[in-house]
Amino acid sequence: MRQPLQAAQLAARGFTSSADAIECPQGLIATHGGTASLGAAVATPNGGWHLRHNLFKFHAACYGTHAAIEAASHLRLQHALRVDDVCRVTVRASSACEGVCNIAEPRTGLEAKFSLRHTVAMALAGVDTAGLDAFSDEAVYAPEVVALRDRVQVLLAPQCPDLTLSEVVIETQSGTVLRQRYDSGRPASDLLEQQQRLEEKFRLLVKSVLIPDECDELIDLVARLDELTDLSPLAGMLARQACADRH
C-alpha cells in the first residue's frame, strides 16, 4: 500500500512518468508479470467483481458461530419467542467447529466468542451480539443466558465441512418444533439491510470515542465518498479525532 500512496503523492507534487509505463517493453508487466492481456485486465470479470460479494462480521464473535446466531435470531423474531418459551435447542453444525468454536461452558468473554452454545443462547435471549460489551467477562455469567445455554446441545456433522452453514432446531414448551438453516458464507442480497447492520455495528464500536453527531457525520462522509471532490473533510475529521485522543 505504501508504494501506490507514495506514487500518488509524487504525482500530486508534479512528478511525471511515461504514459505507457505499465505496458511498454520494459514496463511493469514485462518486469513483474511476464505476459498479460490489457483487455482482460480492464474488462469486467465473467462472474462480476468479487468486491461486491464481500462477507461482513455482524457479530463480535468467531465467524463460525454467525450462521447459528442468525438462525436463532430469525426464529426468535419470527415467532416472538421468549426465554421461557424455549424447552430445548439443537444446533447442527460442521465438525470443523470442534476445535474452533465449540467451547461448551465458556468462563471468559473471549471464550464466549468461540462457543456455539453460548452465542445461540445470547441470540435467543435477545442480546445484541454486535457489541463488544456483550462479550465482557461479566456478561458470560448473565443468569438468563446461562439458563438458556443449559438447554442447548450441539451436534457436529462430519459430512458438513462448511463452517458457515448451521441449522438451529427449537422445541418450545408447547411442543412446537421450529427450525431454521442459515449460510453465513453467502453474500447479502439486501444491500440496504446490510448497510444498516454495518452502521449499527459501527455505532456500537465507536460509542466510546465519538459522540452521536460525530458518528453520523463520519457515516455520511463515507456514504458520499464518490461525490467528494477531495478527501479533506474526512481527513480533517480523523485528524481532529487523533488530536483529541492525544489530549
C-alpha atoms as a PDB file:
ATOM      1  CA  MET A   1       0.000   0.000   0.000  1.00  0.00           C
ATOM      2  CA  ARG A   2       2.938   2.339   0.688  1.00  0.00           C
ATOM      3  CA  GLN A   3       4.223   2.448  -2.908  1.00  0.00           C
ATOM      4  CA  PRO A   4       0.893   3.390  -4.595  1.00  0.00           C
ATOM      5  CA  LEU A   5       0.375   6.083  -1.953  1.00  0.00           C
ATOM      6  CA  GLN A   6       3.878   7.425  -2.469  1.00  0.00           C
ATOM      7  CA  ALA A   7       3.353   7.415  -6.241  1.00  0.00           C
ATOM      8  CA  ALA A   8       0.140   9.423  -5.835  1.00  0.00           C
ATOM      9  CA  GLN A   9       1.876  11.909  -3.552  1.00  0.00           C
ATOM     10  CA  LEU A  10       4.722  12.342  -6.047  1.00  0.00           C
ATOM     11  CA  ALA A  11       2.249  12.854  -8.904  1.00  0.00           C
ATOM     12  CA  ALA A  12       0.436  15.493  -6.861  1.00  0.00           C
ATOM     13  CA  ARG A  13       3.747  17.345  -6.495  1.00  0.00           C
ATOM     14  CA  GLY A  14       4.355  17.400 -10.241  1.00  0.00           C
ATOM     15  CA  PHE A  15       6.363  14.233 -10.878  1.00  0.00           C
ATOM     16  CA  THR A  16       5.682  12.717 -14.288  1.00  0.00           C
ATOM     17  CA  SER A  17       6.352   9.381 -15.942  1.00  0.00           C
ATOM     18  CA  SER A  18       5.918   7.584 -19.230  1.00  0.00           C
ATOM     19  CA  ALA A  19       2.299   7.306 -20.310  1.00  0.00           C
ATOM     20  CA  ASP A  20       2.832   3.614 -21.151  1.00  0.00           C
ATOM     21  CA  ALA A  21       4.838   2.680 -18.041  1.00  0.00           C
ATOM     22  CA  ILE A  22       2.648  -0.368 -17.478  1.00  0.00           C
ATOM     23  CA  GLU A  23       2.609  -1.928 -20.943  1.00  0.00           C
ATOM     24  CA  CYS A  24       5.833  -0.700 -22.587  1.00  0.00           C
ATOM     25  CA  PRO A  25       8.621  -3.262 -23.414  1.00  0.00           C
ATOM     26  CA  GLN A  26      10.419  -2.726 -20.084  1.00  0.00           C
ATOM     27  CA  GLY A  27       7.360  -1.636 -18.142  1.00  0.00           C
ATOM     28  CA  LEU A  28       5.568  -3.063 -15.119  1.00  0.00           C
ATOM     29  CA  ILE A  29       4.010  -6.019 -16.948  1.00  0.00           C
ATOM     30  CA  ALA A  30       7.240  -7.103 -18.612  1.00  0.00           C
ATOM     31  CA  THR A  31       9.337  -6.800 -15.460  1.00  0.00           C
ATOM     32  CA  HIS A  32       6.827  -8.121 -12.921  1.00  0.00           C
ATOM     33  CA  GLY A  33       4.289 -10.250 -14.749  1.00  0.00           C
ATOM     34  CA  GLY A  34       5.785 -11.642 -17.911  1.00  0.00           C
ATOM     35  CA  THR A  35       2.781 -11.545 -20.233  1.00  0.00           C
ATOM     36  CA  ALA A  36      -0.650 -10.074 -19.667  1.00  0.00           C
ATOM     37  CA  SER A  37      -3.779  -9.165 -21.566  1.00  0.00           C
ATOM     38  CA  LEU A  38      -4.572  -5.500 -21.174  1.00  0.00           C
ATOM     39  CA  GLY A  39      -8.071  -6.107 -22.460  1.00  0.00           C
ATOM     40  CA  ALA A  40      -8.725  -8.729 -19.809  1.00  0.00           C
ATOM     41  CA  ALA A  41      -7.200  -6.521 -17.137  1.00  0.00           C
ATOM     42  CA  VAL A  42      -9.744  -3.739 -17.637  1.00  0.00           C
ATOM     43  CA  ALA A  43     -12.731  -5.900 -18.580  1.00  0.00           C
ATOM     44  CA  THR A  44     -15.494  -6.819 -16.140  1.00  0.00           C
ATOM     45  CA  PRO A  45     -14.891 -10.391 -14.887  1.00  0.00           C
ATOM     46  CA  ASN A  46     -17.360 -13.017 -16.091  1.00  0.00           C
ATOM     47  CA  GLY A  47     -18.531 -13.643 -12.542  1.00  0.00           C
ATOM     48  CA  GLY A  48     -18.665  -9.949 -11.632  1.00  0.00           C
ATOM     49  CA  TRP A  49     -16.435  -8.091  -9.211  1.00  0.00           C
ATOM     50  CA  HIS A  50     -15.609 -10.013  -6.041  1.00  0.00           C
ATOM     51  CA  LEU A  51     -15.684  -6.731  -4.104  1.00  0.00           C
ATOM     52  CA  ARG A  52     -19.474  -6.795  -4.403  1.00  0.00           C
ATOM     53  CA  HIS A  53     -19.618 -10.181  -2.693  1.00  0.00           C
ATOM     54  CA  ASN A  54     -17.780  -9.322   0.497  1.00  0.00           C
ATOM     55  CA  LEU A  55     -18.847 -11.013   3.718  1.00  0.00           C
ATOM     56  CA  PHE A  56     -19.074  -8.942   6.869  1.00  0.00           C
ATOM     57  CA  LYS A  57     -18.936  -9.816  10.549  1.00  0.00           C
ATOM     58  CA  PHE A  58     -22.157  -8.559  12.081  1.00  0.00           C
ATOM     59  CA  HIS A  59     -21.381 -10.217  15.410  1.00  0.00           C
ATOM     60  CA  ALA A  60     -18.380  -9.715  17.692  1.00  0.00           C
ATOM     61  CA  ALA A  61     -17.709 -13.449  17.806  1.00  0.00           C
ATOM     62  CA  CYS A  62     -15.949 -16.164  15.812  1.00  0.00           C
ATOM     63  CA  TYR A  63     -17.323 -16.301  12.271  1.00  0.00           C
ATOM     64  CA  GLY A  64     -18.057 -19.999  12.774  1.00  0.00           C
ATOM     65  CA  THR A  65     -20.841 -19.014  15.196  1.00  0.00           C
ATOM     66  CA  HIS A  66     -22.504 -16.497  12.901  1.00  0.00           C
ATOM     67  CA  ALA A  67     -24.754 -18.862  10.979  1.00  0.00           C
ATOM     68  CA  ALA A  68     -26.174 -20.308  14.204  1.00  0.00           C
ATOM     69  CA  ILE A  69     -26.630 -16.821  15.688  1.00  0.00           C
ATOM     70  CA  GLU A  70     -28.518 -15.685  12.590  1.00  0.00           C
ATOM     71  CA  ALA A  71     -30.722 -18.779  12.559  1.00  0.00           C
ATOM     72  CA  ALA A  72     -31.562 -18.441  16.250  1.00  0.00           C
ATOM     73  CA  SER A  73     -32.249 -14.706  15.939  1.00  0.00           C
ATOM     74  CA  HIS A  74     -34.522 -15.333  12.965  1.00  0.00           C
ATOM     75  CA  LEU A  75     -36.590 -17.870  14.898  1.00  0.00           C
ATOM     76  CA  ARG A  76     -36.822 -15.627  17.958  1.00  0.00           C
ATOM     77  CA  LEU A  77     -38.097 -12.678  15.922  1.00  0.00           C
ATOM     78  CA  GLN A  78     -40.336 -14.641  13.558  1.00  0.00           C
ATOM     79  CA  HIS A  79     -42.124 -16.481  16.362  1.00  0.00           C
ATOM     80  CA  ALA A  80     -41.843 -13.808  19.078  1.00  0.00           C
ATOM     81  CA  LEU A  81     -40.099 -16.308  21.328  1.00  0.00           C
ATOM     82  CA  ARG A  82     -39.469 -15.502  24.974  1.00  0.00           C
ATOM     83  CA  VAL A  83     -36.821 -17.188  27.074  1.00  0.00           C
ATOM     84  CA  ASP A  84     -39.465 -19.200  28.953  1.00  0.00           C
ATOM     85  CA  ASP A  85     -40.894 -20.497  25.656  1.00  0.00           C
ATOM     86  CA  VAL A  86     -37.723 -22.455  24.877  1.00  0.00           C
ATOM     87  CA  CYS A  87     -37.620 -26.066  26.081  1.00  0.00           C
ATOM     88  CA  ARG A  88     -34.511 -27.290  24.256  1.00  0.00           C
ATOM     89  CA  VAL A  89     -32.327 -26.222  21.350  1.00  0.00           C
ATOM     90  CA  THR A  90     -30.254 -28.287  18.946  1.00  0.00           C
ATOM     91  CA  VAL A  91     -27.536 -26.691  16.856  1.00  0.00           C
ATOM     92  CA  ARG A  92     -26.338 -28.709  13.882  1.00  0.00           C
ATOM     93  CA  ALA A  93     -23.029 -27.512  12.525  1.00  0.00           C
ATOM     94  CA  SER A  94     -19.867 -28.660  10.779  1.00  0.00           C
ATOM     95  CA  SER A  95     -17.485 -31.000  12.576  1.00  0.00           C
ATOM     96  CA  ALA A  96     -14.836 -28.399  11.759  1.00  0.00           C
ATOM     97  CA  CYS A  97     -16.325 -26.323  14.589  1.00  0.00           C
ATOM     98  CA  GLU A  98     -14.956 -28.740  17.189  1.00  0.00           C
ATOM     99  CA  GLY A  99     -11.563 -27.126  17.525  1.00  0.00           C
ATOM    100  CA  VAL A 100     -12.721 -23.654  16.586  1.00  0.00           C
ATOM    101  CA  CYS A 101     -15.968 -22.535  18.224  1.00  0.00           C
ATOM    102  CA  ASN A 102     -17.402 -25.316  20.358  1.00  0.00           C
ATOM    103  CA  ILE A 103     -16.413 -24.318  23.886  1.00  0.00           C
ATOM    104  CA  ALA A 104     -19.304 -25.797  25.852  1.00  0.00           C
ATOM    105  CA  GLU A 105     -19.103 -23.692  29.025  1.00  0.00           C
ATOM    106  CA  PRO A 106     -17.089 -20.518  28.455  1.00  0.00           C
ATOM    107  CA  ARG A 107     -15.594 -18.879  31.530  1.00  0.00           C
ATOM    108  CA  THR A 108     -14.477 -15.587  29.965  1.00  0.00           C
ATOM    109  CA  GLY A 109     -15.754 -13.157  27.373  1.00  0.00           C
ATOM    110  CA  LEU A 110     -13.097 -14.326  24.947  1.00  0.00           C
ATOM    111  CA  GLU A 111     -14.156 -17.970  25.334  1.00  0.00           C
ATOM    112  CA  ALA A 112     -17.794 -16.946  24.804  1.00  0.00           C
ATOM    113  CA  LYS A 113     -16.859 -15.670  21.354  1.00  0.00           C
ATOM    114  CA  PHE A 114     -15.909 -19.244  20.456  1.00  0.00           C
ATOM    115  CA  SER A 115     -18.937 -21.012  21.895  1.00  0.00           C
ATOM    116  CA  LEU A 116     -21.843 -22.097  19.704  1.00  0.00           C
ATOM    117  CA  ARG A 117     -23.908 -22.914  22.777  1.00  0.00           C
ATOM    118  CA  HIS A 118     -23.335 -19.558  24.410  1.00  0.00           C
ATOM    119  CA  THR A 119     -23.772 -17.360  21.341  1.00  0.00           C
ATOM    120  CA  VAL A 120     -27.008 -19.137  20.392  1.00  0.00           C
ATOM    121  CA  ALA A 121     -28.269 -18.627  23.937  1.00  0.00           C
ATOM    122  CA  MET A 122     -27.373 -14.941  23.661  1.00  0.00           C
ATOM    123  CA  ALA A 123     -29.283 -14.652  20.394  1.00  0.00           C
ATOM    124  CA  LEU A 124     -32.371 -16.328  21.877  1.00  0.00           C
ATOM    125  CA  ALA A 125     -32.179 -14.041  24.906  1.00  0.00           C
ATOM    126  CA  GLY A 126     -32.195 -11.009  22.609  1.00  0.00           C
ATOM    127  CA  VAL A 127     -28.634  -9.933  23.439  1.00  0.00           C
ATOM    128  CA  ASP A 128     -27.092  -7.695  20.779  1.00  0.00           C
ATOM    129  CA  THR A 129     -24.054  -9.761  19.772  1.00  0.00           C
ATOM    130  CA  ALA A 130     -22.669  -6.973  17.585  1.00  0.00           C
ATOM    131  CA  GLY A 131     -21.267  -5.043  20.528  1.00  0.00           C
ATOM    132  CA  LEU A 132     -18.089  -5.794  22.454  1.00  0.00           C
ATOM    133  CA  ASP A 133     -19.875  -5.218  25.766  1.00  0.00           C
ATOM    134  CA  ALA A 134     -21.913  -8.359  25.180  1.00  0.00           C
ATOM    135  CA  PHE A 135     -18.712 -10.385  25.468  1.00  0.00           C
ATOM    136  CA  SER A 136     -17.315  -8.993  28.684  1.00  0.00           C
ATOM    137  CA  ASP A 137     -16.218 -11.432  31.366  1.00  0.00           C
ATOM    138  CA  GLU A 138     -19.178 -10.370  33.499  1.00  0.00           C
ATOM    139  CA  ALA A 139     -21.706 -10.895  30.703  1.00  0.00           C
ATOM    140  CA  VAL A 140     -20.720 -14.564  30.414  1.00  0.00           C
ATOM    141  CA  TYR A 141     -22.449 -15.229  33.726  1.00  0.00           C
ATOM    142  CA  ALA A 142     -25.734 -13.460  32.955  1.00  0.00           C
ATOM    143  CA  PRO A 143     -28.299 -15.807  34.605  1.00  0.00           C
ATOM    144  CA  GLU A 144     -30.796 -15.703  31.732  1.00  0.00           C
ATOM    145  CA  VAL A 145     -28.149 -16.566  29.143  1.00  0.00           C
ATOM    146  CA  VAL A 146     -26.619 -19.335  31.249  1.00  0.00           C
ATOM    147  CA  ALA A 147     -30.065 -20.858  31.839  1.00  0.00           C
ATOM    148  CA  LEU A 148     -30.710 -20.875  28.100  1.00  0.00           C
ATOM    149  CA  ARG A 149     -27.264 -22.281  27.350  1.00  0.00           C
ATOM    150  CA  ASP A 150     -28.043 -25.280  29.535  1.00  0.00           C
ATOM    151  CA  ARG A 151     -30.874 -26.116  27.127  1.00  0.00           C
ATOM    152  CA  VAL A 152     -28.631 -26.004  24.035  1.00  0.00           C
ATOM    153  CA  GLN A 153     -26.871 -29.028  22.582  1.00  0.00           C
ATOM    154  CA  VAL A 154     -24.502 -29.009  19.622  1.00  0.00           C
ATOM    155  CA  LEU A 155     -24.437 -31.833  17.092  1.00  0.00           C
ATOM    156  CA  LEU A 156     -21.495 -31.768  14.700  1.00  0.00           C
ATOM    157  CA  ALA A 157     -21.895 -33.326  11.257  1.00  0.00           C
ATOM    158  CA  PRO A 158     -18.778 -34.876   9.667  1.00  0.00           C
ATOM    159  CA  GLN A 159     -20.444 -34.713   6.252  1.00  0.00           C
ATOM    160  CA  CYS A 160     -20.759 -30.931   6.509  1.00  0.00           C
ATOM    161  CA  PRO A 161     -17.292 -29.380   6.032  1.00  0.00           C
ATOM    162  CA  ASP A 162     -18.520 -25.804   5.779  1.00  0.00           C
ATOM    163  CA  LEU A 163     -18.113 -23.665   8.922  1.00  0.00           C
ATOM    164  CA  THR A 164     -20.570 -21.120   7.556  1.00  0.00           C
ATOM    165  CA  LEU A 165     -23.600 -23.431   7.489  1.00  0.00           C
ATOM    166  CA  SER A 166     -25.703 -24.218  10.560  1.00  0.00           C
ATOM    167  CA  GLU A 167     -29.210 -25.307  11.478  1.00  0.00           C
ATOM    168  CA  VAL A 168     -30.983 -24.424  14.716  1.00  0.00           C
ATOM    169  CA  VAL A 169     -33.907 -26.522  15.917  1.00  0.00           C
ATOM    170  CA  ILE A 170     -36.007 -25.261  18.836  1.00  0.00           C
ATOM    171  CA  GLU A 171     -38.556 -27.284  20.746  1.00  0.00           C
ATOM    172  CA  THR A 172     -40.914 -24.970  22.602  1.00  0.00           C
ATOM    173  CA  GLN A 173     -42.645 -25.627  25.902  1.00  0.00           C
ATOM    174  CA  SER A 174     -45.876 -26.139  23.976  1.00  0.00           C
ATOM    175  CA  GLY A 175     -44.301 -28.939  21.923  1.00  0.00           C
ATOM    176  CA  THR A 176     -43.906 -26.977  18.698  1.00  0.00           C
ATOM    177  CA  VAL A 177     -40.710 -27.677  16.764  1.00  0.00           C
ATOM    178  CA  LEU A 178     -39.131 -24.759  14.911  1.00  0.00           C
ATOM    179  CA  ARG A 179     -36.136 -24.995  12.621  1.00  0.00           C
ATOM    180  CA  GLN A 180     -34.053 -22.595  10.597  1.00  0.00           C
ATOM    181  CA  ARG A 181     -30.957 -23.061   8.429  1.00  0.00           C
ATOM    182  CA  TYR A 182     -28.565 -20.275   7.614  1.00  0.00           C
ATOM    183  CA  ASP A 183     -25.453 -19.951   5.469  1.00  0.00           C
ATOM    184  CA  SER A 184     -23.261 -17.043   6.566  1.00  0.00           C
ATOM    185  CA  GLY A 185     -20.966 -17.711   3.610  1.00  0.00           C
ATOM    186  CA  ARG A 186     -23.461 -16.288   1.093  1.00  0.00           C
ATOM    187  CA  PRO A 187     -23.263 -12.562   0.292  1.00  0.00           C
ATOM    188  CA  ALA A 188     -26.254 -10.488   1.360  1.00  0.00           C
ATOM    189  CA  SER A 189     -28.931  -9.942  -1.266  1.00  0.00           C
ATOM    190  CA  ASP A 190     -30.473  -6.985   0.566  1.00  0.00           C
ATOM    191  CA  LEU A 191     -27.692  -4.415   0.405  1.00  0.00           C
ATOM    192  CA  LEU A 192     -29.744  -1.760   2.203  1.00  0.00           C
ATOM    193  CA  GLU A 193     -30.238  -4.057   5.183  1.00  0.00           C
ATOM    194  CA  GLN A 194     -26.530  -4.920   5.080  1.00  0.00           C
ATOM    195  CA  GLN A 195     -25.628  -1.225   5.172  1.00  0.00           C
ATOM    196  CA  GLN A 196     -27.955  -0.628   8.126  1.00  0.00           C
ATOM    197  CA  ARG A 197     -26.447  -3.512  10.075  1.00  0.00           C
ATOM    198  CA  LEU A 198     -22.909  -2.324   9.378  1.00  0.00           C
ATOM    199  CA  GLU A 199     -23.822   1.173  10.538  1.00  0.00           C
ATOM    200  CA  GLU A 200     -25.396  -0.203  13.724  1.00  0.00           C
ATOM    201  CA  LYS A 201     -22.281  -2.215  14.499  1.00  0.00           C
ATOM    202  CA  PHE A 202     -20.076   0.790  13.737  1.00  0.00           C
ATOM    203  CA  ARG A 203     -22.041   2.922  16.195  1.00  0.00           C
ATOM    204  CA  LEU A 204     -21.608   0.301  18.893  1.00  0.00           C
ATOM    205  CA  LEU A 205     -17.868   0.049  18.318  1.00  0.00           C
ATOM    206  CA  VAL A 206     -17.126   3.784  18.304  1.00  0.00           C
ATOM    207  CA  LYS A 207     -19.518   4.982  21.014  1.00  0.00           C
ATOM    208  CA  SER A 208     -16.648   5.291  23.495  1.00  0.00           C
ATOM    209  CA  VAL A 209     -14.698   7.723  21.282  1.00  0.00           C
ATOM    210  CA  LEU A 210     -17.312   9.527  19.143  1.00  0.00           C
ATOM    211  CA  ILE A 211     -20.436  11.387  20.186  1.00  0.00           C
ATOM    212  CA  PRO A 212     -23.572  10.564  18.126  1.00  0.00           C
ATOM    213  CA  ASP A 213     -23.275  13.696  15.948  1.00  0.00           C
ATOM    214  CA  GLU A 214     -19.673  12.872  15.045  1.00  0.00           C
ATOM    215  CA  CYS A 215     -20.645   9.302  14.284  1.00  0.00           C
ATOM    216  CA  ASP A 216     -23.442  10.491  11.978  1.00  0.00           C
ATOM    217  CA  GLU A 217     -21.038  12.869  10.239  1.00  0.00           C
ATOM    218  CA  LEU A 218     -18.475  10.143   9.625  1.00  0.00           C
ATOM    219  CA  ILE A 219     -21.081   7.708   8.292  1.00  0.00           C
ATOM    220  CA  ASP A 220     -22.419  10.405   5.967  1.00  0.00           C
ATOM    221  CA  LEU A 221     -18.945  11.245   4.650  1.00  0.00           C
ATOM    222  CA  VAL A 222     -18.158   7.611   3.913  1.00  0.00           C
ATOM    223  CA  ALA A 223     -21.525   7.162   2.183  1.00  0.00           C
ATOM    224  CA  ARG A 224     -20.724  10.148  -0.074  1.00  0.00           C
ATOM    225  CA  LEU A 225     -17.128   9.246  -0.971  1.00  0.00           C
ATOM    226  CA  ASP A 226     -17.982   9.027  -4.665  1.00  0.00           C
ATOM    227  CA  GLU A 227     -19.368  12.584  -4.576  1.00  0.00           C
ATOM    228  CA  LEU A 228     -16.479  14.244  -2.726  1.00  0.00           C
ATOM    229  CA  THR A 229     -14.073  16.272  -4.875  1.00  0.00           C
ATOM    230  CA  ASP A 230     -11.326  15.574  -2.318  1.00  0.00           C
ATOM    231  CA  LEU A 231     -10.955  13.746   0.982  1.00  0.00           C
ATOM    232  CA  SER A 232     -10.144  16.773   3.118  1.00  0.00           C
ATOM    233  CA  PRO A 233     -13.473  16.684   5.053  1.00  0.00           C
ATOM    234  CA  LEU A 234     -12.868  13.043   6.020  1.00  0.00           C
ATOM    235  CA  ALA A 235      -9.155  13.563   6.695  1.00  0.00           C
ATOM    236  CA  GLY A 236      -9.943  16.662   8.755  1.00  0.00           C
ATOM    237  CA  MET A 237     -12.404  14.798  10.930  1.00  0.00           C
ATOM    238  CA  LEU A 238      -9.968  11.940  11.501  1.00  0.00           C
ATOM    239  CA  ALA A 239      -7.214  14.430  12.323  1.00  0.00           C
ATOM    240  CA  ARG A 240      -9.442  16.138  14.896  1.00  0.00           C
ATOM    241  CA  GLN A 241     -10.161  12.782  16.497  1.00  0.00           C
ATOM    242  CA  ALA A 242      -6.478  11.838  16.572  1.00  0.00           C
ATOM    243  CA  CYS A 243      -5.679  15.167  18.224  1.00  0.00           C
ATOM    244  CA  ALA A 244      -8.434  14.641  20.800  1.00  0.00           C
ATOM    245  CA  ASP A 245      -7.081  11.163  21.608  1.00  0.00           C
ATOM    246  CA  ARG A 246      -3.612  12.603  22.324  1.00  0.00           C
ATOM    247  CA  HIS A 247      -5.068  15.120  24.760  1.00  0.00           C
END
